[in-house]
Amino acid sequence: MNLKEFWNNYKGALIGIIVAILILATRLHNLILVIIILILGAFIGNYVQQNKEEVKTKLKAFIDKM
């Protein structure tokens, strides 16, 4: 297997590894994690606001099981 075949077969993995190394080296993973948590919080908050009664019923049932 020559270098060209290797690159064609594994370029996605190699690019992913390089990007991961850059993210870890620059500590961008902390920022990315914070952004993901903020977005998840926004989606969860919006879901709860749109489905108040359903969430209240499910939460009450969950608490009753405990």
Protein backbone atom coordinates (compact mmCIF):
# COMPACT_ATOMS: atom_id res chain seq x y z
CA MET A 1 0.00 0.00 0.00
CA ASN A 2 1.56 3.27 -1.03
CA LEU A 3 1.02 6.68 0.52
CA LYS A 4 -1.68 7.74 -1.96
CA GLU A 5 -3.84 4.68 -1.25
CA PHE A 6 -3.33 5.14 2.49
CA TRP A 7 -4.42 8.80 2.24
CA ASN A 8 -7.48 7.92 0.14
CA ASN A 9 -8.54 5.18 2.56
CA TYR A 10 -7.95 7.01 5.83
CA LYS A 11 -8.05 10.76 5.12
CA GLY A 12 -11.26 11.28 7.11
CA ALA A 13 -9.77 9.63 10.17
CA LEU A 14 -6.49 11.50 9.84
CA ILE A 15 -8.24 14.87 9.48
CA GLY A 16 -10.41 14.01 12.49
CA ILE A 17 -7.34 13.17 14.56
CA ILE A 18 -5.63 16.42 13.58
CA VAL A 19 -8.73 18.47 14.44
CA ALA A 20 -9.08 16.65 17.78
CA ILE A 21 -5.43 17.33 18.63
CA LEU A 22 -5.85 21.02 17.79
CA ILE A 23 -9.00 21.27 19.91
CA LEU A 24 -7.30 19.59 22.87
CA ALA A 25 -4.09 21.58 22.49
CA THR A 26 -5.89 24.93 22.43
CA ARG A 27 -8.36 23.92 25.17
CA LEU A 28 -11.28 24.72 22.87
CA HIS A 29 -13.02 21.60 24.18
CA ASN A 30 -14.01 23.56 27.29
CA LEU A 31 -15.67 26.24 25.18
CA ILE A 32 -17.35 23.66 22.95
CA LEU A 33 -18.69 21.82 26.01
CA VAL A 34 -20.09 25.05 27.47
CA ILE A 35 -21.79 25.93 24.17
CA ILE A 36 -23.32 22.44 23.93
CA ILE A 37 -24.61 22.65 27.50
CA LEU A 38 -26.13 26.09 26.82
CA ILE A 39 -27.86 24.86 23.67
CA LEU A 40 -29.20 21.76 25.45
CA GLY A 41 -30.47 23.95 28.28
CA ALA A 42 -32.26 26.19 25.80
CA PHE A 43 -33.90 23.22 24.06
CA ILE A 44 -34.96 21.65 27.36
CA GLY A 45 -36.34 24.96 28.63
CA ASN A 46 -38.28 25.51 25.41
CA TYR A 47 -39.68 21.96 25.53
CA VAL A 48 -40.80 22.39 29.14
CA GLN A 49 -42.41 25.73 28.33
CA GLN A 50 -44.28 24.31 25.34
CA ASN A 51 -45.40 21.12 27.15
CA LYS A 52 -46.00 22.28 30.74
CA GLU A 53 -48.82 19.90 31.59
CA GLU A 54 -47.19 16.83 30.04
CA VAL A 55 -43.90 17.54 31.84
CA LYS A 56 -45.73 18.15 35.11
CA THR A 57 -47.57 14.82 34.79
CA LYS A 58 -44.40 12.88 33.92
CA LEU A 59 -42.45 14.54 36.74
CA LYS A 60 -45.19 13.76 39.25
CA ALA A 61 -45.28 10.11 38.10
CA PHE A 62 -41.49 9.89 38.41
CA ILE A 63 -41.52 11.34 41.92
CA ASP A 64 -44.33 8.98 42.96
CA LYS A 65 -42.24 5.99 41.83
CA MET A 66 -39.44 7.05 44.15
